[in-house]
Amino acid sequence: MRFCAISSGSSGNCTFIETQEHRLLIDVGLSARTIEGMLKEKKIDPATISAIFVTHEHADHIRGVGVWARRYKIPVMATAGTWKGMERSIGQVPGELRVEIVSGKGYRMGDLRIESIPTCHDANDPCAYTVESGGRKVSVITDTGMTTPVMYKHLCESDIAVIESNHDIDMLMHGPYPAALKRRIRSNLGHLSNQDCGELLCRVREYNPNGTFLLGHLSEENNRPGLALSTVSTMVAEKLGTSGPIDLTARDRSTDIYIV
């Protein structure tokens, strides 16, 4: 498989995953034109995308979904709750392109199996995704206020995964956000902090020492890339002696293409 985090952050999210038979996007949270340009920079033809899988209905995950589906006539896969939440925002999607999935179930598509994982977020029926093909697994797990045993299991089995490292707790609590928003972010239906991510990765690394993990969905206001990477890497290294491969995603540029 080939993997690339096209964009990850509070301003927009999109992930590209390719197997021998299919090319997928998980979320199209920037404009369709912006995502098209970012894909073309990677020598990826936008017209070759097979399907879009949507995690939830928040704007930074669906901004370009409707335009993309109509322009390229490709199916959009989302839970019933997500469809209900995003219908007005994305505009009309033809019935044959509208596919309803069930969170917690797996689906076959040619040479891949994609599984939706329920997340803990303040959305209608949010989920994360794992993609398996050829004995390899890629996971994208962000926008969750807490982790579950199912998330943990998939991360332990992943060759590469994006995991949320949204905010630094001190920056958030001493920053300009209203108290209600701070409580929402720190709640079990909000987002994982750098510290939460570090604790999770300490547990995962005990069983998956060689997987590559990318820190994702960093807050522009309440985090810094260097701070996120330093916090998580230090926590894992102090507990296990080594942090293993940990990389960063970004909101304004794509990662390299990873081959797994």
C-alpha atoms as a PDB file:
ATOM      1  CA  MET A   1       0.000   0.000   0.000  1.00  0.00           C
ATOM      2  CA  ARG A   2       0.904   3.658  -0.400  1.00  0.00           C
ATOM      3  CA  PHE A   3      -0.140   6.222   2.186  1.00  0.00           C
ATOM      4  CA  CYS A   4      -0.035  10.014   2.413  1.00  0.00           C
ATOM      5  CA  ALA A   5      -1.578  12.456   4.878  1.00  0.00           C
ATOM      6  CA  ILE A   6      -2.642  15.152   2.408  1.00  0.00           C
ATOM      7  CA  SER A   7      -3.682  17.541   5.181  1.00  0.00           C
ATOM      8  CA  SER A   8      -4.294  17.137   8.898  1.00  0.00           C
ATOM      9  CA  GLY A   9      -5.390  19.783  11.361  1.00  0.00           C
ATOM     10  CA  SER A  10      -8.222  21.987  12.533  1.00  0.00           C
ATOM     11  CA  SER A  11      -8.370  23.745   9.138  1.00  0.00           C
ATOM     12  CA  GLY A  12      -8.891  20.601   7.043  1.00  0.00           C
ATOM     13  CA  ASN A  13      -8.243  16.862   6.877  1.00  0.00           C
ATOM     14  CA  CYS A  14      -7.655  14.426   4.022  1.00  0.00           C
ATOM     15  CA  THR A  15      -5.774  11.125   3.812  1.00  0.00           C
ATOM     16  CA  PHE A  16      -4.810   9.181   0.671  1.00  0.00           C
ATOM     17  CA  ILE A  17      -4.449   5.393   0.696  1.00  0.00           C
ATOM     18  CA  GLU A  18      -3.631   3.252  -2.341  1.00  0.00           C
ATOM     19  CA  THR A  19      -3.642  -0.497  -2.897  1.00  0.00           C
ATOM     20  CA  GLN A  20      -2.913  -2.331  -6.143  1.00  0.00           C
ATOM     21  CA  GLU A  21      -6.558  -2.014  -7.204  1.00  0.00           C
ATOM     22  CA  HIS A  22      -7.964   1.077  -5.481  1.00  0.00           C
ATOM     23  CA  ARG A  23      -7.251   4.611  -4.357  1.00  0.00           C
ATOM     24  CA  LEU A  24      -9.197   6.014  -1.404  1.00  0.00           C
ATOM     25  CA  LEU A  25      -9.604   9.333   0.343  1.00  0.00           C
ATOM     26  CA  ILE A  26     -10.513   9.465   4.003  1.00  0.00           C
ATOM     27  CA  ASP A  27     -12.287  12.833   4.388  1.00  0.00           C
ATOM     28  CA  VAL A  28     -12.093  15.795   2.019  1.00  0.00           C
ATOM     29  CA  GLY A  29     -11.905  18.632   4.530  1.00  0.00           C
ATOM     30  CA  LEU A  30     -10.432  21.289   2.252  1.00  0.00           C
ATOM     31  CA  SER A  31     -11.923  22.559  -0.991  1.00  0.00           C
ATOM     32  CA  ALA A  32     -11.980  20.062  -3.836  1.00  0.00           C
ATOM     33  CA  ARG A  33      -9.687  22.335  -5.856  1.00  0.00           C
ATOM     34  CA  THR A  34      -7.125  22.487  -3.036  1.00  0.00           C
ATOM     35  CA  ILE A  35      -7.084  18.708  -2.596  1.00  0.00           C
ATOM     36  CA  GLU A  36      -6.819  18.228  -6.352  1.00  0.00           C
ATOM     37  CA  GLY A  37      -3.737  20.440  -6.422  1.00  0.00           C
ATOM     38  CA  MET A  38      -2.121  18.655  -3.491  1.00  0.00           C
ATOM     39  CA  LEU A  39      -2.714  15.259  -5.103  1.00  0.00           C
ATOM     40  CA  LYS A  40      -1.311  16.418  -8.426  1.00  0.00           C
ATOM     41  CA  GLU A  41       1.846  17.574  -6.643  1.00  0.00           C
ATOM     42  CA  LYS A  42       2.251  13.918  -5.646  1.00  0.00           C
ATOM     43  CA  LYS A  43       1.651  12.768  -9.248  1.00  0.00           C
ATOM     44  CA  ILE A  44      -1.758  11.355  -8.267  1.00  0.00           C
ATOM     45  CA  ASP A  45      -4.566  11.834 -10.783  1.00  0.00           C
ATOM     46  CA  PRO A  46      -7.701  12.955  -8.856  1.00  0.00           C
ATOM     47  CA  ALA A  47      -9.906  11.152 -11.378  1.00  0.00           C
ATOM     48  CA  THR A  48      -8.467   7.797 -10.249  1.00  0.00           C
ATOM     49  CA  ILE A  49      -9.893   7.979  -6.712  1.00  0.00           C
ATOM     50  CA  SER A  50     -12.253   5.033  -6.131  1.00  0.00           C
ATOM     51  CA  ALA A  51     -14.204   6.209  -3.066  1.00  0.00           C
ATOM     52  CA  ILE A  52     -14.377   8.718  -0.220  1.00  0.00           C
ATOM     53  CA  PHE A  53     -14.805   7.525   3.363  1.00  0.00           C
ATOM     54  CA  VAL A  54     -16.050  10.217   5.761  1.00  0.00           C
ATOM     55  CA  THR A  55     -15.269  10.112   9.481  1.00  0.00           C
ATOM     56  CA  HIS A  56     -17.863  12.652  10.672  1.00  0.00           C
ATOM     57  CA  GLU A  57     -19.766  15.748   9.634  1.00  0.00           C
ATOM     58  CA  HIS A  58     -17.590  18.575  11.025  1.00  0.00           C
ATOM     59  CA  ALA A  59     -16.585  21.112   8.380  1.00  0.00           C
ATOM     60  CA  ASP A  60     -12.864  20.382   8.506  1.00  0.00           C
ATOM     61  CA  HIS A  61     -13.624  16.847   7.314  1.00  0.00           C
ATOM     62  CA  ILE A  62     -16.330  17.373   4.674  1.00  0.00           C
ATOM     63  CA  ARG A  63     -15.720  20.770   3.032  1.00  0.00           C
ATOM     64  CA  GLY A  64     -14.955  19.326  -0.416  1.00  0.00           C
ATOM     65  CA  VAL A  65     -16.861  16.032  -0.249  1.00  0.00           C
ATOM     66  CA  GLY A  66     -19.943  17.014  -2.248  1.00  0.00           C
ATOM     67  CA  VAL A  67     -18.070  18.769  -5.035  1.00  0.00           C
ATOM     68  CA  TRP A  68     -15.618  15.882  -5.333  1.00  0.00           C
ATOM     69  CA  ALA A  69     -18.358  13.244  -5.497  1.00  0.00           C
ATOM     70  CA  ARG A  70     -20.292  15.113  -8.173  1.00  0.00           C
ATOM     71  CA  ARG A  71     -17.217  16.027 -10.214  1.00  0.00           C
ATOM     72  CA  TYR A  72     -15.692  12.544 -10.334  1.00  0.00           C
ATOM     73  CA  LYS A  73     -18.863  10.445  -9.904  1.00  0.00           C
ATOM     74  CA  ILE A  74     -17.409   8.403  -7.051  1.00  0.00           C
ATOM     75  CA  PRO A  75     -19.215   6.942  -4.031  1.00  0.00           C
ATOM     76  CA  VAL A  76     -19.192   8.568  -0.615  1.00  0.00           C
ATOM     77  CA  MET A  77     -19.234   6.166   2.334  1.00  0.00           C
ATOM     78  CA  ALA A  78     -20.488   7.425   5.708  1.00  0.00           C
ATOM     79  CA  THR A  79     -22.617   6.323   8.642  1.00  0.00           C
ATOM     80  CA  ALA A  80     -26.308   7.217   8.761  1.00  0.00           C
ATOM     81  CA  GLY A  81     -25.632   9.821  11.446  1.00  0.00           C
ATOM     82  CA  THR A  82     -22.860  11.414   9.428  1.00  0.00           C
ATOM     83  CA  TRP A  83     -25.059  11.554   6.329  1.00  0.00           C
ATOM     84  CA  LYS A  84     -27.771  13.277   8.341  1.00  0.00           C
ATOM     85  CA  GLY A  85     -25.288  15.762   9.761  1.00  0.00           C
ATOM     86  CA  MET A  86     -23.570  16.692   6.499  1.00  0.00           C
ATOM     87  CA  GLU A  87     -26.410  16.679   3.944  1.00  0.00           C
ATOM     88  CA  ARG A  88     -27.066  20.419   3.994  1.00  0.00           C
ATOM     89  CA  SER A  89     -23.374  21.281   3.962  1.00  0.00           C
ATOM     90  CA  ILE A  90     -22.224  19.157   1.027  1.00  0.00           C
ATOM     91  CA  GLY A  91     -25.215  19.619  -1.267  1.00  0.00           C
ATOM     92  CA  GLN A  92     -26.971  16.968  -3.313  1.00  0.00           C
ATOM     93  CA  VAL A  93     -25.137  13.694  -3.819  1.00  0.00           C
ATOM     94  CA  PRO A  94     -26.787  11.380  -6.401  1.00  0.00           C
ATOM     95  CA  GLY A  95     -28.400   8.341  -4.826  1.00  0.00           C
ATOM     96  CA  GLU A  96     -26.117   5.847  -6.558  1.00  0.00           C
ATOM     97  CA  LEU A  97     -23.093   7.578  -5.012  1.00  0.00           C
ATOM     98  CA  ARG A  98     -24.538   7.725  -1.519  1.00  0.00           C
ATOM     99  CA  VAL A  99     -23.446   4.667   0.486  1.00  0.00           C
ATOM    100  CA  GLU A 100     -24.440   4.173   4.118  1.00  0.00           C
ATOM    101  CA  ILE A 101     -22.094   2.131   6.288  1.00  0.00           C
ATOM    102  CA  VAL A 102     -22.404   0.860   9.845  1.00  0.00           C
ATOM    103  CA  SER A 103     -19.807   1.899  12.386  1.00  0.00           C
ATOM    104  CA  GLY A 104     -17.968  -1.087  13.791  1.00  0.00           C
ATOM    105  CA  LYS A 105     -18.294  -3.219  10.664  1.00  0.00           C
ATOM    106  CA  GLY A 106     -15.808  -4.177   7.970  1.00  0.00           C
ATOM    107  CA  TYR A 107     -16.263  -3.914   4.200  1.00  0.00           C
ATOM    108  CA  ARG A 108     -14.538  -5.541   1.234  1.00  0.00           C
ATOM    109  CA  MET A 109     -13.548  -3.572  -1.853  1.00  0.00           C
ATOM    110  CA  GLY A 110     -11.477  -5.567  -4.312  1.00  0.00           C
ATOM    111  CA  ASP A 111      -8.080  -6.223  -2.769  1.00  0.00           C
ATOM    112  CA  LEU A 112      -8.735  -4.290   0.441  1.00  0.00           C
ATOM    113  CA  ARG A 113     -10.791  -4.531   3.584  1.00  0.00           C
ATOM    114  CA  ILE A 114     -11.783  -1.317   5.317  1.00  0.00           C
ATOM    115  CA  GLU A 115     -13.158  -1.289   8.847  1.00  0.00           C
ATOM    116  CA  SER A 116     -14.941   1.571  10.576  1.00  0.00           C
ATOM    117  CA  ILE A 117     -14.154   2.092  14.264  1.00  0.00           C
ATOM    118  CA  PRO A 118     -16.527   4.036  16.552  1.00  0.00           C
ATOM    119  CA  THR A 119     -14.856   7.130  18.005  1.00  0.00           C
ATOM    120  CA  CYS A 120     -15.691   9.297  21.018  1.00  0.00           C
ATOM    121  CA  HIS A 121     -16.475  12.714  19.565  1.00  0.00           C
ATOM    122  CA  ASP A 122     -19.276  15.279  19.646  1.00  0.00           C
ATOM    123  CA  ALA A 123     -20.696  14.288  16.265  1.00  0.00           C
ATOM    124  CA  ASN A 124     -23.707  12.254  15.164  1.00  0.00           C
ATOM    125  CA  ASP A 125     -22.092   8.861  14.546  1.00  0.00           C
ATOM    126  CA  PRO A 126     -18.333   9.375  14.111  1.00  0.00           C
ATOM    127  CA  CYS A 127     -15.799   6.738  13.187  1.00  0.00           C
ATOM    128  CA  ALA A 128     -12.163   6.165  12.333  1.00  0.00           C
ATOM    129  CA  TYR A 129     -10.934   3.776   9.658  1.00  0.00           C
ATOM    130  CA  THR A 130      -8.407   1.007   9.110  1.00  0.00           C
ATOM    131  CA  VAL A 131      -7.458  -0.326   5.696  1.00  0.00           C
ATOM    132  CA  GLU A 132      -5.918  -3.778   5.202  1.00  0.00           C
ATOM    133  CA  SER A 133      -4.427  -5.169   2.007  1.00  0.00           C
ATOM    134  CA  GLY A 134      -1.723  -7.712   1.280  1.00  0.00           C
ATOM    135  CA  GLY A 135      -1.163  -8.431   4.953  1.00  0.00           C
ATOM    136  CA  ARG A 136      -0.541  -4.762   5.782  1.00  0.00           C
ATOM    137  CA  LYS A 137      -2.672  -2.355   7.807  1.00  0.00           C
ATOM    138  CA  VAL A 138      -3.050   1.420   7.804  1.00  0.00           C
ATOM    139  CA  SER A 139      -5.134   3.243  10.436  1.00  0.00           C
ATOM    140  CA  VAL A 140      -6.398   6.813  10.725  1.00  0.00           C
ATOM    141  CA  ILE A 141      -7.685   7.538  14.236  1.00  0.00           C
ATOM    142  CA  THR A 142      -8.279  11.179  15.133  1.00  0.00           C
ATOM    143  CA  ASP A 143     -11.073  13.345  16.558  1.00  0.00           C
ATOM    144  CA  THR A 144     -11.695  11.299  19.664  1.00  0.00           C
ATOM    145  CA  GLY A 145     -11.750  12.407  23.282  1.00  0.00           C
ATOM    146  CA  MET A 146     -10.684   9.016  24.560  1.00  0.00           C
ATOM    147  CA  THR A 147      -9.344   5.751  23.220  1.00  0.00           C
ATOM    148  CA  THR A 148     -11.103   2.407  23.351  1.00  0.00           C
ATOM    149  CA  PRO A 149      -9.843  -1.190  23.415  1.00  0.00           C
ATOM    150  CA  VAL A 150     -10.818  -1.528  19.738  1.00  0.00           C
ATOM    151  CA  MET A 151      -8.710   1.497  18.756  1.00  0.00           C
ATOM    152  CA  TYR A 152      -5.823   0.139  20.814  1.00  0.00           C
ATOM    153  CA  LYS A 153      -6.070  -3.276  19.129  1.00  0.00           C
ATOM    154  CA  HIS A 154      -5.960  -1.780  15.632  1.00  0.00           C
ATOM    155  CA  LEU A 155      -3.020   0.477  16.461  1.00  0.00           C
ATOM    156  CA  CYS A 156      -1.093  -2.489  17.820  1.00  0.00           C
ATOM    157  CA  GLU A 157      -1.660  -4.226  14.464  1.00  0.00           C
ATOM    158  CA  SER A 158      -0.904  -1.228  12.210  1.00  0.00           C
ATOM    159  CA  ASP A 159       2.140  -0.834  10.013  1.00  0.00           C
ATOM    160  CA  ILE A 160       1.437   2.895   9.800  1.00  0.00           C
ATOM    161  CA  ALA A 161      -1.155   5.016  11.588  1.00  0.00           C
ATOM    162  CA  VAL A 162      -2.213   8.593  12.152  1.00  0.00           C
ATOM    163  CA  ILE A 163      -3.108   9.211  15.784  1.00  0.00           C
ATOM    164  CA  GLU A 164      -4.425  12.398  17.292  1.00  0.00           C
ATOM    165  CA  SER A 165      -2.138  14.760  19.188  1.00  0.00           C
ATOM    166  CA  ASN A 166      -4.423  17.765  19.121  1.00  0.00           C
ATOM    167  CA  HIS A 167      -3.335  20.103  21.896  1.00  0.00           C
ATOM    168  CA  ASP A 168      -0.931  20.842  24.684  1.00  0.00           C
ATOM    169  CA  ILE A 169      -2.947  20.955  27.892  1.00  0.00           C
ATOM    170  CA  ASP A 170      -1.140  24.007  29.321  1.00  0.00           C
ATOM    171  CA  MET A 171      -1.466  25.955  26.062  1.00  0.00           C
ATOM    172  CA  LEU A 172      -5.160  25.148  25.885  1.00  0.00           C
ATOM    173  CA  MET A 173      -6.001  25.943  29.495  1.00  0.00           C
ATOM    174  CA  HIS A 174      -4.025  29.210  29.515  1.00  0.00           C
ATOM    175  CA  GLY A 175      -5.071  30.230  26.007  1.00  0.00           C
ATOM    176  CA  PRO A 176      -7.844  32.519  24.738  1.00  0.00           C
ATOM    177  CA  TYR A 177     -10.569  29.921  24.158  1.00  0.00           C
ATOM    178  CA  PRO A 178     -13.816  30.347  26.157  1.00  0.00           C
ATOM    179  CA  ALA A 179     -14.134  28.086  29.181  1.00  0.00           C
ATOM    180  CA  ALA A 180     -16.941  26.073  27.578  1.00  0.00           C
ATOM    181  CA  LEU A 181     -14.821  25.303  24.516  1.00  0.00           C
ATOM    182  CA  LYS A 182     -11.878  24.288  26.682  1.00  0.00           C
ATOM    183  CA  ARG A 183     -14.128  21.876  28.558  1.00  0.00           C
ATOM    184  CA  ARG A 184     -15.453  20.477  25.290  1.00  0.00           C
ATOM    185  CA  ILE A 185     -11.936  19.848  23.915  1.00  0.00           C
ATOM    186  CA  ARG A 186     -10.775  18.189  27.138  1.00  0.00           C
ATOM    187  CA  SER A 187     -13.921  16.062  27.518  1.00  0.00           C
ATOM    188  CA  ASN A 188     -14.323  12.422  26.542  1.00  0.00           C
ATOM    189  CA  LEU A 189     -16.087  13.671  23.398  1.00  0.00           C
ATOM    190  CA  GLY A 190     -13.361  16.138  22.452  1.00  0.00           C
ATOM    191  CA  HIS A 191      -9.766  15.588  21.363  1.00  0.00           C
ATOM    192  CA  LEU A 192      -6.651  13.780  22.575  1.00  0.00           C
ATOM    193  CA  SER A 193      -3.852  15.961  23.936  1.00  0.00           C
ATOM    194  CA  ASN A 194      -0.128  15.468  23.364  1.00  0.00           C
ATOM    195  CA  GLN A 195       0.008  13.855  26.788  1.00  0.00           C
ATOM    196  CA  ASP A 196      -2.928  11.547  26.011  1.00  0.00           C
ATOM    197  CA  CYS A 197      -1.254  10.560  22.755  1.00  0.00           C
ATOM    198  CA  GLY A 198       2.021   9.862  24.534  1.00  0.00           C
ATOM    199  CA  GLU A 199       0.333   7.626  27.083  1.00  0.00           C
ATOM    200  CA  LEU A 200      -1.472   5.733  24.338  1.00  0.00           C
ATOM    201  CA  LEU A 201       1.676   5.254  22.282  1.00  0.00           C
ATOM    202  CA  CYS A 202       3.591   4.012  25.341  1.00  0.00           C
ATOM    203  CA  ARG A 203       1.083   1.164  25.560  1.00  0.00           C
ATOM    204  CA  VAL A 204       0.962   0.503  21.824  1.00  0.00           C
ATOM    205  CA  ARG A 205       4.753   0.483  21.402  1.00  0.00           C
ATOM    206  CA  GLU A 206       5.088  -2.422  23.825  1.00  0.00           C
ATOM    207  CA  TYR A 207       3.335  -4.607  21.234  1.00  0.00           C
ATOM    208  CA  ASN A 208       4.176  -2.720  18.048  1.00  0.00           C
ATOM    209  CA  PRO A 209       7.770  -1.460  18.276  1.00  0.00           C
ATOM    210  CA  ASN A 210       8.321  -1.050  14.539  1.00  0.00           C
ATOM    211  CA  GLY A 211       5.126   0.590  13.267  1.00  0.00           C
ATOM    212  CA  THR A 212       5.308   4.191  12.023  1.00  0.00           C
ATOM    213  CA  PHE A 213       3.023   6.626  13.822  1.00  0.00           C
ATOM    214  CA  LEU A 214       2.167  10.090  12.570  1.00  0.00           C
ATOM    215  CA  LEU A 215       0.873  12.712  14.982  1.00  0.00           C
ATOM    216  CA  GLY A 216      -2.271  14.236  13.497  1.00  0.00           C
ATOM    217  CA  HIS A 217      -4.960  16.888  13.847  1.00  0.00           C
ATOM    218  CA  LEU A 218      -2.690  19.351  15.666  1.00  0.00           C
ATOM    219  CA  SER A 219      -4.445  22.510  16.825  1.00  0.00           C
ATOM    220  CA  GLU A 220      -3.099  25.703  15.278  1.00  0.00           C
ATOM    221  CA  GLU A 221      -3.908  27.715  18.408  1.00  0.00           C
ATOM    222  CA  ASN A 222      -3.129  25.222  21.176  1.00  0.00           C
ATOM    223  CA  ASN A 223      -0.154  23.225  19.945  1.00  0.00           C
ATOM    224  CA  ARG A 224       3.138  23.408  18.094  1.00  0.00           C
ATOM    225  CA  PRO A 225       4.542  20.633  15.875  1.00  0.00           C
ATOM    226  CA  GLY A 226       7.869  20.554  17.696  1.00  0.00           C
ATOM    227  CA  LEU A 227       6.154  20.501  21.068  1.00  0.00           C
ATOM    228  CA  ALA A 228       3.852  17.651  20.076  1.00  0.00           C
ATOM    229  CA  LEU A 229       6.694  15.556  18.693  1.00  0.00           C
ATOM    230  CA  SER A 230       8.957  16.249  21.668  1.00  0.00           C
ATOM    231  CA  THR A 231       6.258  15.501  24.250  1.00  0.00           C
ATOM    232  CA  VAL A 232       5.161  12.208  22.705  1.00  0.00           C
ATOM    233  CA  SER A 233       8.649  10.983  21.777  1.00  0.00           C
ATOM    234  CA  THR A 234      10.051  11.781  25.217  1.00  0.00           C
ATOM    235  CA  MET A 235       7.219  10.018  27.025  1.00  0.00           C
ATOM    236  CA  VAL A 236       7.667   6.847  24.959  1.00  0.00           C
ATOM    237  CA  ALA A 237      11.471   6.888  25.139  1.00  0.00           C
ATOM    238  CA  GLU A 238      11.486   7.395  28.905  1.00  0.00           C
ATOM    239  CA  LYS A 239       9.220   4.391  29.390  1.00  0.00           C
ATOM    240  CA  LEU A 240      10.543   2.013  26.733  1.00  0.00           C
ATOM    241  CA  GLY A 241      14.071   3.217  26.035  1.00  0.00           C
ATOM    242  CA  THR A 242      13.260   4.221  22.443  1.00  0.00           C
ATOM    243  CA  SER A 243      10.402   6.078  20.819  1.00  0.00           C
ATOM    244  CA  GLY A 244      10.462   4.206  17.500  1.00  0.00           C
ATOM    245  CA  PRO A 245       9.501   5.955  14.261  1.00  0.00           C
ATOM    246  CA  ILE A 246       7.227   8.948  14.970  1.00  0.00           C
ATOM    247  CA  ASP A 247       6.508  11.601  12.334  1.00  0.00           C
ATOM    248  CA  LEU A 248       4.305  14.666  11.993  1.00  0.00           C
ATOM    249  CA  THR A 249       1.447  15.568   9.708  1.00  0.00           C
ATOM    250  CA  ALA A 250       0.736  19.192   8.760  1.00  0.00           C
ATOM    251  CA  ARG A 251      -2.254  21.345   7.859  1.00  0.00           C
ATOM    252  CA  ASP A 252      -0.563  23.249   5.038  1.00  0.00           C
ATOM    253  CA  ARG A 253       1.373  20.531   3.229  1.00  0.00           C
ATOM    254  CA  SER A 254       1.291  16.800   2.587  1.00  0.00           C
ATOM    255  CA  THR A 255       3.583  14.234   4.105  1.00  0.00           C
ATOM    256  CA  ASP A 256       5.869  12.121   1.982  1.00  0.00           C
ATOM    257  CA  ILE A 257       4.274   9.029   0.449  1.00  0.00           C
ATOM    258  CA  TYR A 258       4.875   6.041   2.701  1.00  0.00           C
ATOM    259  CA  ILE A 259       5.053   2.540   1.231  1.00  0.00           C
ATOM    260  CA  VAL A 260       3.941  -0.230   3.582  1.00  0.00           C
END
